[in-house]
Amino acid sequence: MQLLIIISTQEKLKHIIGLTNSAINKGHKVTLFFNEDSILLLKKPSLFEKINAELLICRTSYSQFKIGSQNHFIDKIKMSSLTELVELFEESEKIVFM
């Protein structure tokens, strides 16, 4: 199963990690899309460095927070967009908003 988790807040970190790891352990492919202030969860060091999921960061949110260099974030992130998020809606079997 293809699971898409859209994360908009930093407040549910324990739940995000737990759900992601459970899905991966069951053999599911997981994509995490971070937007708004949740992108700050991906700054080095991050618990997401060891998670075997695709990590996408919203380009617009990144610009709004004026973080500077992408070097402040963990290496495995990929810049993304709302257009790509719409494509992920079409491809994913389950979508969770957190």
Foldseek 3Di string as FASTA:
>chain_A
DEEEEEEEDPPCVVVVVVVQVVCVVVPYAYEYEYAHVNVVQFFPPHPCLPRPYAYEYEPVRCVVVCPDDPNRGDDRYDYDHVVVVVVSVVVGPYYHYD
